[in-house]
């Protein structure tokens, strides 16, 4: 079985039939899976079969022809809405990204699986970074509305993904509160900017290119060790600070 799995892996570039891929996935539930054995060598503290979060046999289901992804619920206790017109959406969207980041971080903290930790850190950092981007943009917009620089119908911020650029735009409206906390927040924004200046670093493994024949250029050329407990603590501090700045827009 192991030899057959290895042949499938070697022939991946030639194409694998779906049923072969599913069979390989199921086989990896067992301790002799070559993929699992590789990860066990890299992460010796892993529990057996923990790459799939369970050592139990699971019956898998697959998409059916009548499946739809988005449908109205029959039981409205299961309802969640994407609304075109909602005065709360500027609050709900960033709060959703922050909540996802924190919840995933707690899951990573509670996991004994190194693969799980290493996998979750990417969406954790992306969601938190995106939270900062959109809440700062919305705060700029609210300051501009409060100062009669734009109307409610206008966007009020640039199409920009650099956290440092966005922060510098926001700083113009909080010159009167240049506190130690403000300086500390700016230092942390700079730290994120050095790692991810365009919102791509935690979304892809390789640097993007318009030429798909170019050689792979990894985004992270060196490993970065991350203290999850410290990360959660500092994320919460940054959240508290920027939420406080955002609240100022409603006091003007």
C-alpha atoms as a PDB file:
ATOM      1  CA  UNK A   1       0.000   0.000   0.000  1.00  0.00           C
ATOM      2  CA  UNK A   2       2.812   2.366   0.896  1.00  0.00           C
ATOM      3  CA  UNK A   3       4.587   1.648  -2.401  1.00  0.00           C
ATOM      4  CA  UNK A   4       1.402   2.354  -4.333  1.00  0.00           C
ATOM      5  CA  UNK A   5       0.925   5.651  -2.476  1.00  0.00           C
ATOM      6  CA  UNK A   6       4.457   6.695  -3.367  1.00  0.00           C
ATOM      7  CA  UNK A   7       3.842   5.951  -7.033  1.00  0.00           C
ATOM      8  CA  UNK A   8       0.752   8.115  -6.986  1.00  0.00           C
ATOM      9  CA  UNK A   9       2.712  10.951  -5.377  1.00  0.00           C
ATOM     10  CA  UNK A  10       5.499  10.677  -7.928  1.00  0.00           C
ATOM     11  CA  UNK A  11       3.006  10.741 -10.808  1.00  0.00           C
ATOM     12  CA  UNK A  12       1.118  13.758  -9.460  1.00  0.00           C
ATOM     13  CA  UNK A  13       2.469  15.970 -12.236  1.00  0.00           C
ATOM     14  CA  UNK A  14       1.008  13.588 -14.797  1.00  0.00           C
ATOM     15  CA  UNK A  15      -2.453  13.908 -13.296  1.00  0.00           C
ATOM     16  CA  UNK A  16      -4.387  11.885 -10.752  1.00  0.00           C
ATOM     17  CA  UNK A  17      -7.931  10.664 -11.172  1.00  0.00           C
ATOM     18  CA  UNK A  18     -10.348  11.890  -8.528  1.00  0.00           C
ATOM     19  CA  UNK A  19     -11.041   8.416  -7.211  1.00  0.00           C
ATOM     20  CA  UNK A  20      -7.287   7.827  -6.813  1.00  0.00           C
ATOM     21  CA  UNK A  21      -6.913  11.086  -4.917  1.00  0.00           C
ATOM     22  CA  UNK A  22      -9.800  10.257  -2.595  1.00  0.00           C
ATOM     23  CA  UNK A  23      -8.411   6.785  -2.051  1.00  0.00           C
ATOM     24  CA  UNK A  24      -5.019   8.238  -1.174  1.00  0.00           C
ATOM     25  CA  UNK A  25      -6.654  10.638   1.272  1.00  0.00           C
ATOM     26  CA  UNK A  26      -8.486   7.809   2.995  1.00  0.00           C
ATOM     27  CA  UNK A  27      -5.342   5.709   3.131  1.00  0.00           C
ATOM     28  CA  UNK A  28      -3.587   8.561   4.911  1.00  0.00           C
ATOM     29  CA  UNK A  29      -5.883   7.937   7.861  1.00  0.00           C
ATOM     30  CA  UNK A  30      -3.629   5.003   8.643  1.00  0.00           C
ATOM     31  CA  UNK A  31      -0.246   5.073  10.358  1.00  0.00           C
ATOM     32  CA  UNK A  32       1.732   3.822   7.327  1.00  0.00           C
ATOM     33  CA  UNK A  33       0.770   6.749   5.092  1.00  0.00           C
ATOM     34  CA  UNK A  34       3.990   8.188   3.544  1.00  0.00           C
ATOM     35  CA  UNK A  35       2.729  11.749   3.865  1.00  0.00           C
ATOM     36  CA  UNK A  36       1.963  11.251   7.540  1.00  0.00           C
ATOM     37  CA  UNK A  37       5.321   9.581   8.143  1.00  0.00           C
ATOM     38  CA  UNK A  38       7.064  12.589   6.569  1.00  0.00           C
ATOM     39  CA  UNK A  39       5.225  15.009   8.849  1.00  0.00           C
ATOM     40  CA  UNK A  40       5.949  12.816  11.859  1.00  0.00           C
ATOM     41  CA  UNK A  41       9.663  13.081  11.114  1.00  0.00           C
ATOM     42  CA  UNK A  42       9.387  16.869  10.868  1.00  0.00           C
ATOM     43  CA  UNK A  43       7.220  17.163  13.983  1.00  0.00           C
ATOM     44  CA  UNK A  44       8.165  14.347  16.316  1.00  0.00           C
ATOM     45  CA  UNK A  45       5.763  15.524  19.025  1.00  0.00           C
ATOM     46  CA  UNK A  46       2.708  14.765  16.864  1.00  0.00           C
ATOM     47  CA  UNK A  47       0.287  12.102  17.982  1.00  0.00           C
ATOM     48  CA  UNK A  48      -0.319   9.257  15.555  1.00  0.00           C
ATOM     49  CA  UNK A  49      -2.639  10.311  12.709  1.00  0.00           C
ATOM     50  CA  UNK A  50      -3.092  13.741  14.267  1.00  0.00           C
ATOM     51  CA  UNK A  51      -2.559  15.406  10.893  1.00  0.00           C
ATOM     52  CA  UNK A  52      -6.233  14.665  10.294  1.00  0.00           C
ATOM     53  CA  UNK A  53      -7.227  15.611  13.854  1.00  0.00           C
ATOM     54  CA  UNK A  54      -8.460  12.116  14.620  1.00  0.00           C
ATOM     55  CA  UNK A  55      -7.311   8.504  14.559  1.00  0.00           C
ATOM     56  CA  UNK A  56     -10.857   7.255  14.042  1.00  0.00           C
ATOM     57  CA  UNK A  57     -12.236   5.993  10.743  1.00  0.00           C
ATOM     58  CA  UNK A  58     -14.580   8.575   9.234  1.00  0.00           C
ATOM     59  CA  UNK A  59     -17.171   8.207   6.494  1.00  0.00           C
ATOM     60  CA  UNK A  60     -16.691  11.031   4.015  1.00  0.00           C
ATOM     61  CA  UNK A  61     -19.396  12.728   1.991  1.00  0.00           C
ATOM     62  CA  UNK A  62     -18.815  14.466  -1.325  1.00  0.00           C
ATOM     63  CA  UNK A  63     -20.700  17.097  -3.389  1.00  0.00           C
ATOM     64  CA  UNK A  64     -23.906  15.906  -4.998  1.00  0.00           C
ATOM     65  CA  UNK A  65     -25.508  17.224  -8.185  1.00  0.00           C
ATOM     66  CA  UNK A  66     -28.387  18.916  -6.329  1.00  0.00           C
ATOM     67  CA  UNK A  67     -26.143  20.692  -3.796  1.00  0.00           C
ATOM     68  CA  UNK A  68     -26.104  24.510  -3.669  1.00  0.00           C
ATOM     69  CA  UNK A  69     -23.756  26.499  -1.494  1.00  0.00           C
ATOM     70  CA  UNK A  70     -25.998  29.480  -0.726  1.00  0.00           C
ATOM     71  CA  UNK A  71     -29.655  28.784   0.062  1.00  0.00           C
ATOM     72  CA  UNK A  72     -32.363  30.156   2.311  1.00  0.00           C
ATOM     73  CA  UNK A  73     -32.738  28.203   5.557  1.00  0.00           C
ATOM     74  CA  UNK A  74     -35.919  26.315   6.361  1.00  0.00           C
ATOM     75  CA  UNK A  75     -35.249  27.014  10.033  1.00  0.00           C
ATOM     76  CA  UNK A  76     -34.466  30.705  10.529  1.00  0.00           C
ATOM     77  CA  UNK A  77     -32.536  29.996  13.701  1.00  0.00           C
ATOM     78  CA  UNK A  78     -29.827  28.976  11.191  1.00  0.00           C
ATOM     79  CA  UNK A  79     -30.009  32.317   9.355  1.00  0.00           C
ATOM     80  CA  UNK A  80     -27.051  34.549   8.521  1.00  0.00           C
ATOM     81  CA  UNK A  81     -27.407  37.417   6.052  1.00  0.00           C
ATOM     82  CA  UNK A  82     -25.193  39.248   3.587  1.00  0.00           C
ATOM     83  CA  UNK A  83     -26.985  42.575   3.224  1.00  0.00           C
ATOM     84  CA  UNK A  84     -26.624  45.145   0.470  1.00  0.00           C
ATOM     85  CA  UNK A  85     -27.880  47.957   2.675  1.00  0.00           C
ATOM     86  CA  UNK A  86     -26.999  47.692   6.345  1.00  0.00           C
ATOM     87  CA  UNK A  87     -25.755  50.509   8.544  1.00  0.00           C
ATOM     88  CA  UNK A  88     -23.971  47.942  10.711  1.00  0.00           C
ATOM     89  CA  UNK A  89     -21.921  46.307   7.941  1.00  0.00           C
ATOM     90  CA  UNK A  90     -18.972  48.671   8.489  1.00  0.00           C
ATOM     91  CA  UNK A  91     -18.857  47.294  12.044  1.00  0.00           C
ATOM     92  CA  UNK A  92     -19.803  43.687  11.344  1.00  0.00           C
ATOM     93  CA  UNK A  93     -17.223  43.022   8.624  1.00  0.00           C
ATOM     94  CA  UNK A  94     -14.073  44.014  10.554  1.00  0.00           C
ATOM     95  CA  UNK A  95     -15.422  42.466  13.750  1.00  0.00           C
ATOM     96  CA  UNK A  96     -15.990  39.213  11.862  1.00  0.00           C
ATOM     97  CA  UNK A  97     -12.395  39.069  10.653  1.00  0.00           C
ATOM     98  CA  UNK A  98     -11.094  39.826  14.146  1.00  0.00           C
ATOM     99  CA  UNK A  99     -13.326  37.159  15.700  1.00  0.00           C
ATOM    100  CA  UNK A 100     -12.167  34.554  13.189  1.00  0.00           C
ATOM    101  CA  UNK A 101      -8.523  35.443  13.906  1.00  0.00           C
ATOM    102  CA  UNK A 102      -8.952  35.146  17.682  1.00  0.00           C
ATOM    103  CA  UNK A 103     -11.025  31.947  17.512  1.00  0.00           C
ATOM    104  CA  UNK A 104      -8.467  30.288  15.221  1.00  0.00           C
ATOM    105  CA  UNK A 105      -5.644  31.458  17.484  1.00  0.00           C
ATOM    106  CA  UNK A 106      -7.330  29.893  20.512  1.00  0.00           C
ATOM    107  CA  UNK A 107      -7.730  26.661  18.538  1.00  0.00           C
ATOM    108  CA  UNK A 108      -4.013  26.751  17.678  1.00  0.00           C
ATOM    109  CA  UNK A 109      -3.104  27.375  21.326  1.00  0.00           C
ATOM    110  CA  UNK A 110      -5.205  24.424  22.452  1.00  0.00           C
ATOM    111  CA  UNK A 111      -3.867  22.044  19.812  1.00  0.00           C
ATOM    112  CA  UNK A 112      -1.083  19.530  20.441  1.00  0.00           C
ATOM    113  CA  UNK A 113      -0.668  19.129  16.690  1.00  0.00           C
ATOM    114  CA  UNK A 114       2.228  21.096  15.201  1.00  0.00           C
ATOM    115  CA  UNK A 115       0.785  20.780  11.696  1.00  0.00           C
ATOM    116  CA  UNK A 116      -2.462  22.358  12.896  1.00  0.00           C
ATOM    117  CA  UNK A 117      -0.574  25.236  14.513  1.00  0.00           C
ATOM    118  CA  UNK A 118       1.549  25.825  11.404  1.00  0.00           C
ATOM    119  CA  UNK A 119      -1.524  25.705   9.174  1.00  0.00           C
ATOM    120  CA  UNK A 120      -3.729  28.026  11.219  1.00  0.00           C
ATOM    121  CA  UNK A 121      -1.111  30.753  11.637  1.00  0.00           C
ATOM    122  CA  UNK A 122      -1.601  31.891   8.031  1.00  0.00           C
ATOM    123  CA  UNK A 123      -5.359  32.636   8.222  1.00  0.00           C
ATOM    124  CA  UNK A 124      -4.872  34.005  11.752  1.00  0.00           C
ATOM    125  CA  UNK A 125      -2.367  36.605  10.601  1.00  0.00           C
ATOM    126  CA  UNK A 126      -4.219  37.355   7.363  1.00  0.00           C
ATOM    127  CA  UNK A 127      -7.575  37.860   9.088  1.00  0.00           C
ATOM    128  CA  UNK A 128      -6.037  40.073  11.762  1.00  0.00           C
ATOM    129  CA  UNK A 129      -4.134  42.110   9.185  1.00  0.00           C
ATOM    130  CA  UNK A 130      -7.294  42.512   7.098  1.00  0.00           C
ATOM    131  CA  UNK A 131      -9.216  43.525  10.210  1.00  0.00           C
ATOM    132  CA  UNK A 132      -6.714  46.325  10.827  1.00  0.00           C
ATOM    133  CA  UNK A 133      -6.892  47.441   7.211  1.00  0.00           C
ATOM    134  CA  UNK A 134     -10.643  47.741   6.997  1.00  0.00           C
ATOM    135  CA  UNK A 135     -11.235  49.235  10.444  1.00  0.00           C
ATOM    136  CA  UNK A 136      -8.621  51.927   9.805  1.00  0.00           C
ATOM    137  CA  UNK A 137     -10.157  52.694   6.412  1.00  0.00           C
ATOM    138  CA  UNK A 138     -13.622  52.929   7.938  1.00  0.00           C
ATOM    139  CA  UNK A 139     -12.288  55.157  10.738  1.00  0.00           C
ATOM    140  CA  UNK A 140     -10.742  57.516   8.174  1.00  0.00           C
ATOM    141  CA  UNK A 141     -14.085  57.658   6.395  1.00  0.00           C
ATOM    142  CA  UNK A 142     -15.971  58.426   9.612  1.00  0.00           C
ATOM    143  CA  UNK A 143     -13.538  61.212  10.532  1.00  0.00           C
ATOM    144  CA  UNK A 144     -14.005  62.747   7.089  1.00  0.00           C
ATOM    145  CA  UNK A 145     -17.781  62.602   7.444  1.00  0.00           C
ATOM    146  CA  UNK A 146     -17.598  64.162  10.926  1.00  0.00           C
ATOM    147  CA  UNK A 147     -15.381  66.961   9.541  1.00  0.00           C
ATOM    148  CA  UNK A 148     -17.714  67.508   6.558  1.00  0.00           C
ATOM    149  CA  UNK A 149     -14.945  66.553   4.134  1.00  0.00           C
ATOM    150  CA  UNK A 150     -17.175  63.996   2.401  1.00  0.00           C
ATOM    151  CA  UNK A 151     -20.861  63.058   2.388  1.00  0.00           C
ATOM    152  CA  UNK A 152     -22.367  59.798   3.612  1.00  0.00           C
ATOM    153  CA  UNK A 153     -22.583  58.623   0.010  1.00  0.00           C
ATOM    154  CA  UNK A 154     -18.844  58.956  -0.647  1.00  0.00           C
ATOM    155  CA  UNK A 155     -16.226  56.285   0.032  1.00  0.00           C
ATOM    156  CA  UNK A 156     -13.682  58.555   1.693  1.00  0.00           C
ATOM    157  CA  UNK A 157     -10.554  56.376   1.528  1.00  0.00           C
ATOM    158  CA  UNK A 158      -8.111  55.224  -1.143  1.00  0.00           C
ATOM    159  CA  UNK A 159      -7.831  51.789  -2.719  1.00  0.00           C
ATOM    160  CA  UNK A 160      -4.754  50.976  -0.696  1.00  0.00           C
ATOM    161  CA  UNK A 161      -3.465  47.842   1.061  1.00  0.00           C
ATOM    162  CA  UNK A 162      -0.361  49.145   2.818  1.00  0.00           C
ATOM    163  CA  UNK A 163      -1.152  49.296   6.546  1.00  0.00           C
ATOM    164  CA  UNK A 164       1.577  51.887   7.016  1.00  0.00           C
ATOM    165  CA  UNK A 165       0.133  54.196   4.358  1.00  0.00           C
ATOM    166  CA  UNK A 166      -3.373  53.820   5.775  1.00  0.00           C
ATOM    167  CA  UNK A 167      -2.139  54.469   9.309  1.00  0.00           C
ATOM    168  CA  UNK A 168      -0.315  57.630   8.215  1.00  0.00           C
ATOM    169  CA  UNK A 169      -3.548  58.870   6.645  1.00  0.00           C
ATOM    170  CA  UNK A 170      -5.441  58.128   9.850  1.00  0.00           C
ATOM    171  CA  UNK A 171      -2.818  59.845  12.044  1.00  0.00           C
ATOM    172  CA  UNK A 172      -3.748  63.222  10.545  1.00  0.00           C
ATOM    173  CA  UNK A 173      -7.065  63.022  12.399  1.00  0.00           C
ATOM    174  CA  UNK A 174      -5.641  62.077  15.802  1.00  0.00           C
ATOM    175  CA  UNK A 175      -2.726  64.500  16.130  1.00  0.00           C
ATOM    176  CA  UNK A 176      -4.093  65.665  19.475  1.00  0.00           C
ATOM    177  CA  UNK A 177      -3.744  62.200  21.032  1.00  0.00           C
ATOM    178  CA  UNK A 178      -0.154  61.238  20.178  1.00  0.00           C
ATOM    179  CA  UNK A 179       0.259  59.139  23.323  1.00  0.00           C
ATOM    180  CA  UNK A 180       2.738  56.402  24.248  1.00  0.00           C
ATOM    181  CA  UNK A 181       0.061  53.885  23.250  1.00  0.00           C
ATOM    182  CA  UNK A 182      -0.262  55.564  19.865  1.00  0.00           C
ATOM    183  CA  UNK A 183       3.486  55.296  19.307  1.00  0.00           C
ATOM    184  CA  UNK A 184       3.440  51.638  20.360  1.00  0.00           C
ATOM    185  CA  UNK A 185       0.590  50.910  17.931  1.00  0.00           C
ATOM    186  CA  UNK A 186       2.542  52.575  15.114  1.00  0.00           C
ATOM    187  CA  UNK A 187       5.573  50.431  15.920  1.00  0.00           C
ATOM    188  CA  UNK A 188       3.433  47.303  15.617  1.00  0.00           C
ATOM    189  CA  UNK A 189       1.949  48.513  12.321  1.00  0.00           C
ATOM    190  CA  UNK A 190       5.494  48.936  11.029  1.00  0.00           C
ATOM    191  CA  UNK A 191       6.314  45.404  12.165  1.00  0.00           C
ATOM    192  CA  UNK A 192       3.400  43.961  10.194  1.00  0.00           C
ATOM    193  CA  UNK A 193       4.253  46.171   7.210  1.00  0.00           C
ATOM    194  CA  UNK A 194       7.788  44.781   7.050  1.00  0.00           C
ATOM    195  CA  UNK A 195       6.423  41.237   6.843  1.00  0.00           C
ATOM    196  CA  UNK A 196       3.409  41.931   4.633  1.00  0.00           C
ATOM    197  CA  UNK A 197       3.308  45.296   2.901  1.00  0.00           C
ATOM    198  CA  UNK A 198       0.686  44.447   0.269  1.00  0.00           C
ATOM    199  CA  UNK A 199      -1.656  41.913   1.913  1.00  0.00           C
ATOM    200  CA  UNK A 200      -0.237  38.873   0.085  1.00  0.00           C
ATOM    201  CA  UNK A 201       2.255  37.283   2.458  1.00  0.00           C
ATOM    202  CA  UNK A 202      -0.236  35.186   4.440  1.00  0.00           C
ATOM    203  CA  UNK A 203      -2.417  34.287   1.456  1.00  0.00           C
ATOM    204  CA  UNK A 204       0.083  32.564  -0.826  1.00  0.00           C
ATOM    205  CA  UNK A 205       3.206  30.426  -0.546  1.00  0.00           C
ATOM    206  CA  UNK A 206       4.979  32.077  -3.485  1.00  0.00           C
ATOM    207  CA  UNK A 207       5.503  35.573  -4.836  1.00  0.00           C
ATOM    208  CA  UNK A 208       2.900  36.322  -7.516  1.00  0.00           C
ATOM    209  CA  UNK A 209       3.930  36.792 -11.132  1.00  0.00           C
ATOM    210  CA  UNK A 210       2.295  37.394 -14.509  1.00  0.00           C
ATOM    211  CA  UNK A 211       4.507  34.713 -16.044  1.00  0.00           C
ATOM    212  CA  UNK A 212       3.513  31.246 -14.864  1.00  0.00           C
ATOM    213  CA  UNK A 213       6.734  29.781 -16.265  1.00  0.00           C
ATOM    214  CA  UNK A 214       8.920  31.694 -13.827  1.00  0.00           C
ATOM    215  CA  UNK A 215      10.669  29.767 -11.079  1.00  0.00           C
ATOM    216  CA  UNK A 216       9.094  29.602  -7.636  1.00  0.00           C
ATOM    217  CA  UNK A 217      10.092  32.448  -5.328  1.00  0.00           C
ATOM    218  CA  UNK A 218       8.915  31.708  -1.772  1.00  0.00           C
ATOM    219  CA  UNK A 219       7.419  34.640   0.117  1.00  0.00           C
ATOM    220  CA  UNK A 220       9.096  33.535   3.348  1.00  0.00           C
ATOM    221  CA  UNK A 221      12.660  32.444   2.710  1.00  0.00           C
ATOM    222  CA  UNK A 222      13.367  31.884   6.401  1.00  0.00           C
ATOM    223  CA  UNK A 223      11.307  30.375   9.200  1.00  0.00           C
ATOM    224  CA  UNK A 224       9.622  32.717  11.671  1.00  0.00           C
ATOM    225  CA  UNK A 225       9.020  31.372  15.187  1.00  0.00           C
ATOM    226  CA  UNK A 226       5.837  32.810  16.721  1.00  0.00           C
ATOM    227  CA  UNK A 227       4.835  32.771  20.381  1.00  0.00           C
ATOM    228  CA  UNK A 228       1.066  32.188  20.172  1.00  0.00           C
ATOM    229  CA  UNK A 229       0.371  33.427  23.702  1.00  0.00           C
ATOM    230  CA  UNK A 230       2.197  36.681  23.023  1.00  0.00           C
ATOM    231  CA  UNK A 231       0.514  37.010  19.625  1.00  0.00           C
ATOM    232  CA  UNK A 232      -2.945  36.771  21.171  1.00  0.00           C
ATOM    233  CA  UNK A 233      -2.078  39.284  23.889  1.00  0.00           C
ATOM    234  CA  UNK A 234      -0.727  41.879  21.449  1.00  0.00           C
ATOM    235  CA  UNK A 235      -3.565  41.345  18.957  1.00  0.00           C
ATOM    236  CA  UNK A 236      -6.065  42.073  21.735  1.00  0.00           C
ATOM    237  CA  UNK A 237      -4.157  45.233  22.722  1.00  0.00           C
ATOM    238  CA  UNK A 238      -4.117  46.486  19.121  1.00  0.00           C
ATOM    239  CA  UNK A 239      -7.816  45.686  18.818  1.00  0.00           C
ATOM    240  CA  UNK A 240      -8.630  47.658  21.966  1.00  0.00           C
ATOM    241  CA  UNK A 241      -6.578  50.633  20.786  1.00  0.00           C
ATOM    242  CA  UNK A 242      -7.959  50.923  17.247  1.00  0.00           C
ATOM    243  CA  UNK A 243     -11.524  50.336  18.456  1.00  0.00           C
ATOM    244  CA  UNK A 244     -11.020  53.258  20.848  1.00  0.00           C
ATOM    245  CA  UNK A 245      -9.772  55.460  17.999  1.00  0.00           C
ATOM    246  CA  UNK A 246     -12.759  54.398  15.915  1.00  0.00           C
ATOM    247  CA  UNK A 247     -15.114  55.402  18.760  1.00  0.00           C
ATOM    248  CA  UNK A 248     -13.718  58.969  18.626  1.00  0.00           C
ATOM    249  CA  UNK A 249     -15.359  59.456  15.244  1.00  0.00           C
ATOM    250  CA  UNK A 250     -18.781  59.195  16.865  1.00  0.00           C
ATOM    251  CA  UNK A 251     -17.914  61.774  19.506  1.00  0.00           C
ATOM    252  CA  UNK A 252     -17.095  64.528  17.010  1.00  0.00           C
END
